[in-house]
Amino acid sequence: MTQKYYVERLLPIYCDAIKSICQIDNKPWLLQEDSDLSHGIKKRGLATEYKEAHNVQNLSHPPQSPDCNPIEGI
């Protein structure tokens, strides 16, 4: 997956969901992503700029650590 595809198709859905939840519950919400290059975690790019523009914060976690990833079991 490319950053362009991620920013155009998937990231807006996540950002809208976070924005909707923040309107209901005024607590900080974080987006958890793995180390895929399209997520812009390792290298600054379109995804990083999009998340900064929409005030989305990432939950950083060590790479390749399924024991620390609560989503892994789902």
PDB file of N, CA and C in Angstrom:
ATOM      1  N   MET A   1       0.852  -1.166   0.000  1.00  0.00           N
ATOM      2  CA  MET A   1       0.000   0.000   0.000  1.00  0.00           C
ATOM      3  C   MET A   1       0.898   1.229   0.000  1.00  0.00           C
ATOM      4  N   THR A   2       0.526   2.224  -0.754  1.00  0.00           N
ATOM      5  CA  THR A   2       1.301   3.463  -0.813  1.00  0.00           C
ATOM      6  C   THR A   2       0.725   4.493   0.152  1.00  0.00           C
ATOM      7  N   GLN A   3       1.543   5.499   0.479  1.00  0.00           N
ATOM      8  CA  GLN A   3       1.053   6.569   1.353  1.00  0.00           C
ATOM      9  C   GLN A   3      -0.085   7.325   0.681  1.00  0.00           C
ATOM     10  N   LYS A   4       0.002   7.496  -0.624  1.00  0.00           N
ATOM     11  CA  LYS A   4      -1.054   8.213  -1.346  1.00  0.00           C
ATOM     12  C   LYS A   4      -2.393   7.488  -1.192  1.00  0.00           C
ATOM     13  N   TYR A   5      -2.399   6.170  -1.404  1.00  0.00           N
ATOM     14  CA  TYR A   5      -3.621   5.386  -1.248  1.00  0.00           C
ATOM     15  C   TYR A   5      -4.129   5.463   0.192  1.00  0.00           C
ATOM     16  N   TYR A   6      -3.216   5.334   1.150  1.00  0.00           N
ATOM     17  CA  TYR A   6      -3.580   5.370   2.569  1.00  0.00           C
ATOM     18  C   TYR A   6      -4.212   6.709   2.946  1.00  0.00           C
ATOM     19  N   VAL A   7      -3.627   7.793   2.459  1.00  0.00           N
ATOM     20  CA  VAL A   7      -4.133   9.135   2.790  1.00  0.00           C
ATOM     21  C   VAL A   7      -5.456   9.421   2.080  1.00  0.00           C
ATOM     22  N   GLU A   8      -5.618   8.936   0.871  1.00  0.00           N
ATOM     23  CA  GLU A   8      -6.842   9.216   0.119  1.00  0.00           C
ATOM     24  C   GLU A   8      -8.015   8.330   0.530  1.00  0.00           C
ATOM     25  N   ARG A   9      -7.747   7.070   0.875  1.00  0.00           N
ATOM     26  CA  ARG A   9      -8.828   6.109   1.091  1.00  0.00           C
ATOM     27  C   ARG A   9      -9.090   5.735   2.548  1.00  0.00           C
ATOM     28  N   LEU A  10      -8.046   5.552   3.340  1.00  0.00           N
ATOM     29  CA  LEU A  10      -8.229   4.999   4.681  1.00  0.00           C
ATOM     30  C   LEU A  10      -8.099   6.019   5.804  1.00  0.00           C
ATOM     31  N   LEU A  11      -7.079   6.830   5.747  1.00  0.00           N
ATOM     32  CA  LEU A  11      -6.819   7.769   6.844  1.00  0.00           C
ATOM     33  C   LEU A  11      -7.974   8.731   7.103  1.00  0.00           C
ATOM     34  N   PRO A  12      -8.660   9.256   6.092  1.00  0.00           N
ATOM     35  CA  PRO A  12      -9.810  10.124   6.380  1.00  0.00           C
ATOM     36  C   PRO A  12     -10.902   9.439   7.207  1.00  0.00           C
ATOM     37  N   ILE A  13     -11.096   8.154   6.993  1.00  0.00           N
ATOM     38  CA  ILE A  13     -12.099   7.415   7.770  1.00  0.00           C
ATOM     39  C   ILE A  13     -11.691   7.375   9.236  1.00  0.00           C
ATOM     40  N   TYR A  14     -10.414   7.078   9.492  1.00  0.00           N
ATOM     41  CA  TYR A  14      -9.913   7.029  10.867  1.00  0.00           C
ATOM     42  C   TYR A  14      -9.983   8.399  11.525  1.00  0.00           C
ATOM     43  N   CYS A  15      -9.599   9.437  10.791  1.00  0.00           N
ATOM     44  CA  CYS A  15      -9.614  10.790  11.355  1.00  0.00           C
ATOM     45  C   CYS A  15     -11.037  11.245  11.667  1.00  0.00           C
ATOM     46  N   ASP A  16     -11.976  10.923  10.792  1.00  0.00           N
ATOM     47  CA  ASP A  16     -13.377  11.272  11.051  1.00  0.00           C
ATOM     48  C   ASP A  16     -13.911  10.537  12.277  1.00  0.00           C
ATOM     49  N   ALA A  17     -13.531   9.285  12.431  1.00  0.00           N
ATOM     50  CA  ALA A  17     -13.973   8.513  13.602  1.00  0.00           C
ATOM     51  C   ALA A  17     -13.408   9.114  14.888  1.00  0.00           C
ATOM     52  N   ILE A  18     -12.145   9.476  14.877  1.00  0.00           N
ATOM     53  CA  ILE A  18     -11.531  10.081  16.059  1.00  0.00           C
ATOM     54  C   ILE A  18     -12.191  11.414  16.376  1.00  0.00           C
ATOM     55  N   LYS A  19     -12.469  12.200  15.339  1.00  0.00           N
ATOM     56  CA  LYS A  19     -13.124  13.501  15.536  1.00  0.00           C
ATOM     57  C   LYS A  19     -14.521  13.316  16.132  1.00  0.00           C
ATOM     58  N   SER A  20     -15.269  12.338  15.647  1.00  0.00           N
ATOM     59  CA  SER A  20     -16.614  12.071  16.164  1.00  0.00           C
ATOM     60  C   SER A  20     -16.574  11.629  17.623  1.00  0.00           C
ATOM     61  N   ILE A  21     -15.640  10.768  17.941  1.00  0.00           N
ATOM     62  CA  ILE A  21     -15.519  10.295  19.322  1.00  0.00           C
ATOM     63  C   ILE A  21     -15.115  11.437  20.252  1.00  0.00           C
ATOM     64  N   CYS A  22     -14.243  12.307  19.790  1.00  0.00           N
ATOM     65  CA  CYS A  22     -13.797  13.431  20.622  1.00  0.00           C
ATOM     66  C   CYS A  22     -14.939  14.398  20.918  1.00  0.00           C
ATOM     67  N   GLN A  23     -15.915  14.490  20.020  1.00  0.00           N
ATOM     68  CA  GLN A  23     -17.060  15.356  20.277  1.00  0.00           C
ATOM     69  C   GLN A  23     -17.946  14.782  21.375  1.00  0.00           C
ATOM     70  N   ILE A  24     -18.004  13.472  21.483  1.00  0.00           N
ATOM     71  CA  ILE A  24     -18.803  12.816  22.511  1.00  0.00           C
ATOM     72  C   ILE A  24     -18.045  12.751  23.829  1.00  0.00           C
ATOM     73  N   ASP A  25     -16.801  12.357  23.751  1.00  0.00           N
ATOM     74  CA  ASP A  25     -15.965  12.154  24.925  1.00  0.00           C
ATOM     75  C   ASP A  25     -14.717  13.013  24.784  1.00  0.00           C
ATOM     76  N   ASN A  26     -14.635  14.062  25.536  1.00  0.00           N
ATOM     77  CA  ASN A  26     -13.557  15.037  25.392  1.00  0.00           C
ATOM     78  C   ASN A  26     -12.275  14.556  26.075  1.00  0.00           C
ATOM     79  N   LYS A  27     -11.815  13.383  25.682  1.00  0.00           N
ATOM     80  CA  LYS A  27     -10.568  12.835  26.179  1.00  0.00           C
ATOM     81  C   LYS A  27      -9.612  12.665  25.002  1.00  0.00           C
ATOM     82  N   PRO A  28      -8.325  12.622  25.262  1.00  0.00           N
ATOM     83  CA  PRO A  28      -7.395  12.424  24.139  1.00  0.00           C
ATOM     84  C   PRO A  28      -7.505  11.011  23.554  1.00  0.00           C
ATOM     85  N   TRP A  29      -7.554  10.925  22.249  1.00  0.00           N
ATOM     86  CA  TRP A  29      -7.612   9.642  21.544  1.00  0.00           C
ATOM     87  C   TRP A  29      -6.383   9.523  20.675  1.00  0.00           C
ATOM     88  N   LEU A  30      -5.836   8.322  20.590  1.00  0.00           N
ATOM     89  CA  LEU A  30      -4.643   8.061  19.812  1.00  0.00           C
ATOM     90  C   LEU A  30      -4.942   7.050  18.719  1.00  0.00           C
ATOM     91  N   LEU A  31      -4.211   7.144  17.629  1.00  0.00           N
ATOM     92  CA  LEU A  31      -4.338   6.193  16.534  1.00  0.00           C
ATOM     93  C   LEU A  31      -3.164   5.229  16.615  1.00  0.00           C
ATOM     94  N   GLN A  32      -3.458   3.932  16.716  1.00  0.00           N
ATOM     95  CA  GLN A  32      -2.397   2.936  16.781  1.00  0.00           C
ATOM     96  C   GLN A  32      -2.201   2.326  15.403  1.00  0.00           C
ATOM     97  N   GLU A  33      -0.972   2.404  14.922  1.00  0.00           N
ATOM     98  CA  GLU A  33      -0.620   1.840  13.628  1.00  0.00           C
ATOM     99  C   GLU A  33       0.662   1.031  13.772  1.00  0.00           C
ATOM    100  N   ASP A  34       0.848   0.095  12.858  1.00  0.00           N
ATOM    101  CA  ASP A  34       2.102  -0.643  12.881  1.00  0.00           C
ATOM    102  C   ASP A  34       3.166   0.145  12.108  1.00  0.00           C
ATOM    103  N   SER A  35       4.274  -0.475  11.832  1.00  0.00           N
ATOM    104  CA  SER A  35       5.404   0.228  11.206  1.00  0.00           C
ATOM    105  C   SER A  35       5.378   0.177   9.688  1.00  0.00           C
ATOM    106  N   ASP A  36       4.223  -0.037   9.093  1.00  0.00           N
ATOM    107  CA  ASP A  36       4.118  -0.045   7.644  1.00  0.00           C
ATOM    108  C   ASP A  36       4.561   1.316   7.105  1.00  0.00           C
ATOM    109  N   LEU A  37       5.317   1.311   6.030  1.00  0.00           N
ATOM    110  CA  LEU A  37       5.830   2.562   5.469  1.00  0.00           C
ATOM    111  C   LEU A  37       4.718   3.505   5.034  1.00  0.00           C
ATOM    112  N   SER A  38       3.567   2.971   4.645  1.00  0.00           N
ATOM    113  CA  SER A  38       2.470   3.824   4.198  1.00  0.00           C
ATOM    114  C   SER A  38       1.866   4.646   5.332  1.00  0.00           C
ATOM    115  N   HIS A  39       2.107   4.258   6.575  1.00  0.00           N
ATOM    116  CA  HIS A  39       1.560   4.995   7.712  1.00  0.00           C
ATOM    117  C   HIS A  39       2.370   6.232   8.060  1.00  0.00           C
ATOM    118  N   GLY A  40       3.538   6.367   7.472  1.00  0.00           N
ATOM    119  CA  GLY A  40       4.354   7.551   7.698  1.00  0.00           C
ATOM    120  C   GLY A  40       5.010   7.593   9.058  1.00  0.00           C
ATOM    121  N   ILE A  41       5.152   6.459   9.712  1.00  0.00           N
ATOM    122  CA  ILE A  41       5.766   6.423  11.040  1.00  0.00           C
ATOM    123  C   ILE A  41       7.277   6.563  10.931  1.00  0.00           C
ATOM    124  N   LYS A  42       7.891   5.811  10.039  1.00  0.00           N
ATOM    125  CA  LYS A  42       9.350   5.813   9.911  1.00  0.00           C
ATOM    126  C   LYS A  42       9.864   6.970   9.071  1.00  0.00           C
ATOM    127  N   LYS A  43       9.109   7.341   8.060  1.00  0.00           N
ATOM    128  CA  LYS A  43       9.557   8.366   7.126  1.00  0.00           C
ATOM    129  C   LYS A  43       8.464   9.403   6.936  1.00  0.00           C
ATOM    130  N   ARG A  44       8.804  10.653   7.128  1.00  0.00           N
ATOM    131  CA  ARG A  44       7.835  11.737   6.999  1.00  0.00           C
ATOM    132  C   ARG A  44       7.321  11.806   5.559  1.00  0.00           C
ATOM    133  N   GLY A  45       6.017  11.946   5.428  1.00  0.00           N
ATOM    134  CA  GLY A  45       5.427  12.006   4.095  1.00  0.00           C
ATOM    135  C   GLY A  45       3.998  12.491   4.152  1.00  0.00           C
ATOM    136  N   LEU A  46       3.208  12.082   3.183  1.00  0.00           N
ATOM    137  CA  LEU A  46       1.814  12.517   3.080  1.00  0.00           C
ATOM    138  C   LEU A  46       1.004  12.154   4.314  1.00  0.00           C
ATOM    139  N   ALA A  47       1.195  10.933   4.811  1.00  0.00           N
ATOM    140  CA  ALA A  47       0.406  10.475   5.960  1.00  0.00           C
ATOM    141  C   ALA A  47       0.730  11.297   7.203  1.00  0.00           C
ATOM    142  N   THR A  48       1.993  11.571   7.430  1.00  0.00           N
ATOM    143  CA  THR A  48       2.392  12.365   8.590  1.00  0.00           C
ATOM    144  C   THR A  48       1.817  13.773   8.510  1.00  0.00           C
ATOM    145  N   GLU A  49       1.892  14.374   7.339  1.00  0.00           N
ATOM    146  CA  GLU A  49       1.356  15.721   7.151  1.00  0.00           C
ATOM    147  C   GLU A  49      -0.163  15.746   7.354  1.00  0.00           C
ATOM    148  N   TYR A  50      -0.848  14.726   6.858  1.00  0.00           N
ATOM    149  CA  TYR A  50      -2.300  14.652   7.011  1.00  0.00           C
ATOM    150  C   TYR A  50      -2.683  14.537   8.487  1.00  0.00           C
ATOM    151  N   LYS A  51      -1.977  13.670   9.204  1.00  0.00           N
ATOM    152  CA  LYS A  51      -2.278  13.484  10.628  1.00  0.00           C
ATOM    153  C   LYS A  51      -1.998  14.752  11.428  1.00  0.00           C
ATOM    154  N   GLU A  52      -0.928  15.448  11.106  1.00  0.00           N
ATOM    155  CA  GLU A  52      -0.630  16.702  11.794  1.00  0.00           C
ATOM    156  C   GLU A  52      -1.693  17.759  11.501  1.00  0.00           C
ATOM    157  N   ALA A  53      -2.151  17.828  10.263  1.00  0.00           N
ATOM    158  CA  ALA A  53      -3.168  18.810   9.877  1.00  0.00           C
ATOM    159  C   ALA A  53      -4.502  18.538  10.573  1.00  0.00           C
ATOM    160  N   HIS A  54      -4.770  17.275  10.920  1.00  0.00           N
ATOM    161  CA  HIS A  54      -6.025  16.906  11.562  1.00  0.00           C
ATOM    162  C   HIS A  54      -5.866  16.596  13.049  1.00  0.00           C
ATOM    163  N   ASN A  55      -4.732  16.974  13.604  1.00  0.00           N
ATOM    164  CA  ASN A  55      -4.445  16.818  15.045  1.00  0.00           C
ATOM    165  C   ASN A  55      -4.638  15.377  15.521  1.00  0.00           C
ATOM    166  N   VAL A  56      -4.140  14.429  14.748  1.00  0.00           N
ATOM    167  CA  VAL A  56      -4.204  13.023  15.117  1.00  0.00           C
ATOM    168  C   VAL A  56      -2.843  12.611  15.661  1.00  0.00           C
ATOM    169  N   GLN A  57      -2.844  12.045  16.857  1.00  0.00           N
ATOM    170  CA  GLN A  57      -1.603  11.600  17.475  1.00  0.00           C
ATOM    171  C   GLN A  57      -1.504  10.087  17.372  1.00  0.00           C
ATOM    172  N   ASN A  58      -0.286   9.622  17.143  1.00  0.00           N
ATOM    173  CA  ASN A  58      -0.039   8.190  17.057  1.00  0.00           C
ATOM    174  C   ASN A  58       0.404   7.629  18.395  1.00  0.00           C
ATOM    175  N   LEU A  59      -0.007   6.416  18.641  1.00  0.00           N
ATOM    176  CA  LEU A  59       0.484   5.666  19.784  1.00  0.00           C
ATOM    177  C   LEU A  59       1.695   4.894  19.299  1.00  0.00           C
ATOM    178  N   SER A  60       2.864   5.279  19.781  1.00  0.00           N
ATOM    179  CA  SER A  60       4.065   4.596  19.326  1.00  0.00           C
ATOM    180  C   SER A  60       4.265   3.331  20.148  1.00  0.00           C
ATOM    181  N   HIS A  61       4.646   2.279  19.479  1.00  0.00           N
ATOM    182  CA  HIS A  61       4.917   1.012  20.132  1.00  0.00           C
ATOM    183  C   HIS A  61       6.080   0.341  19.419  1.00  0.00           C
ATOM    184  N   PRO A  62       6.787  -0.528  20.092  1.00  0.00           N
ATOM    185  CA  PRO A  62       7.960  -1.144  19.473  1.00  0.00           C
ATOM    186  C   PRO A  62       7.578  -1.981  18.253  1.00  0.00           C
ATOM    187  N   PRO A  63       8.424  -1.984  17.237  1.00  0.00           N
ATOM    188  CA  PRO A  63       8.118  -2.796  16.058  1.00  0.00           C
ATOM    189  C   PRO A  63       8.188  -4.282  16.365  1.00  0.00           C
ATOM    190  N   GLN A  64       7.350  -5.027  15.680  1.00  0.00           N
ATOM    191  CA  GLN A  64       7.295  -6.482  15.789  1.00  0.00           C
ATOM    192  C   GLN A  64       7.124  -6.956  17.226  1.00  0.00           C
ATOM    193  N   SER A  65       6.174  -6.370  17.921  1.00  0.00           N
ATOM    194  CA  SER A  65       5.902  -6.776  19.292  1.00  0.00           C
ATOM    195  C   SER A  65       4.421  -7.100  19.440  1.00  0.00           C
ATOM    196  N   PRO A  66       3.965  -8.248  18.955  1.00  0.00           N
ATOM    197  CA  PRO A  66       2.540  -8.572  19.022  1.00  0.00           C
ATOM    198  C   PRO A  66       2.023  -8.686  20.451  1.00  0.00           C
ATOM    199  N   ASP A  67       2.910  -8.962  21.416  1.00  0.00           N
ATOM    200  CA  ASP A  67       2.474  -9.042  22.809  1.00  0.00           C
ATOM    201  C   ASP A  67       2.048  -7.682  23.345  1.00  0.00           C
ATOM    202  N   CYS A  68       2.582  -6.615  22.777  1.00  0.00           N
ATOM    203  CA  CYS A  68       2.248  -5.256  23.217  1.00  0.00           C
ATOM    204  C   CYS A  68       1.114  -4.656  22.403  1.00  0.00           C
ATOM    205  N   ASN A  69       0.638  -5.365  21.395  1.00  0.00           N
ATOM    206  CA  ASN A  69      -0.366  -4.833  20.493  1.00  0.00           C
ATOM    207  C   ASN A  69      -1.728  -5.420  20.835  1.00  0.00           C
ATOM    208  N   PRO A  70      -2.638  -4.631  21.428  1.00  0.00           N
ATOM    209  CA  PRO A  70      -3.952  -5.153  21.807  1.00  0.00           C
ATOM    210  C   PRO A  70      -4.819  -5.541  20.616  1.00  0.00           C
ATOM    211  N   ILE A  71      -4.558  -5.012  19.444  1.00  0.00           N
ATOM    212  CA  ILE A  71      -5.365  -5.304  18.262  1.00  0.00           C
ATOM    213  C   ILE A  71      -4.979  -6.658  17.678  1.00  0.00           C
ATOM    214  N   GLU A  72      -3.787  -7.124  17.951  1.00  0.00           N
ATOM    215  CA  GLU A  72      -3.251  -8.328  17.321  1.00  0.00           C
ATOM    216  C   GLU A  72      -4.152  -9.548  17.494  1.00  0.00           C
ATOM    217  N   GLY A  73      -4.832  -9.670  18.617  1.00  0.00           N
ATOM    218  CA  GLY A  73      -5.669 -10.838  18.862  1.00  0.00           C
ATOM    219  C   GLY A  73      -7.019 -10.797  18.176  1.00  0.00           C
ATOM    220  N   ILE A  74      -7.373  -9.682  17.585  1.00  0.00           N
ATOM    221  CA  ILE A  74      -8.707  -9.518  16.994  1.00  0.00           C
ATOM    222  C   ILE A  74      -8.770 -10.087  15.600  1.00  0.00           C
TER     223      ILE A  74
END
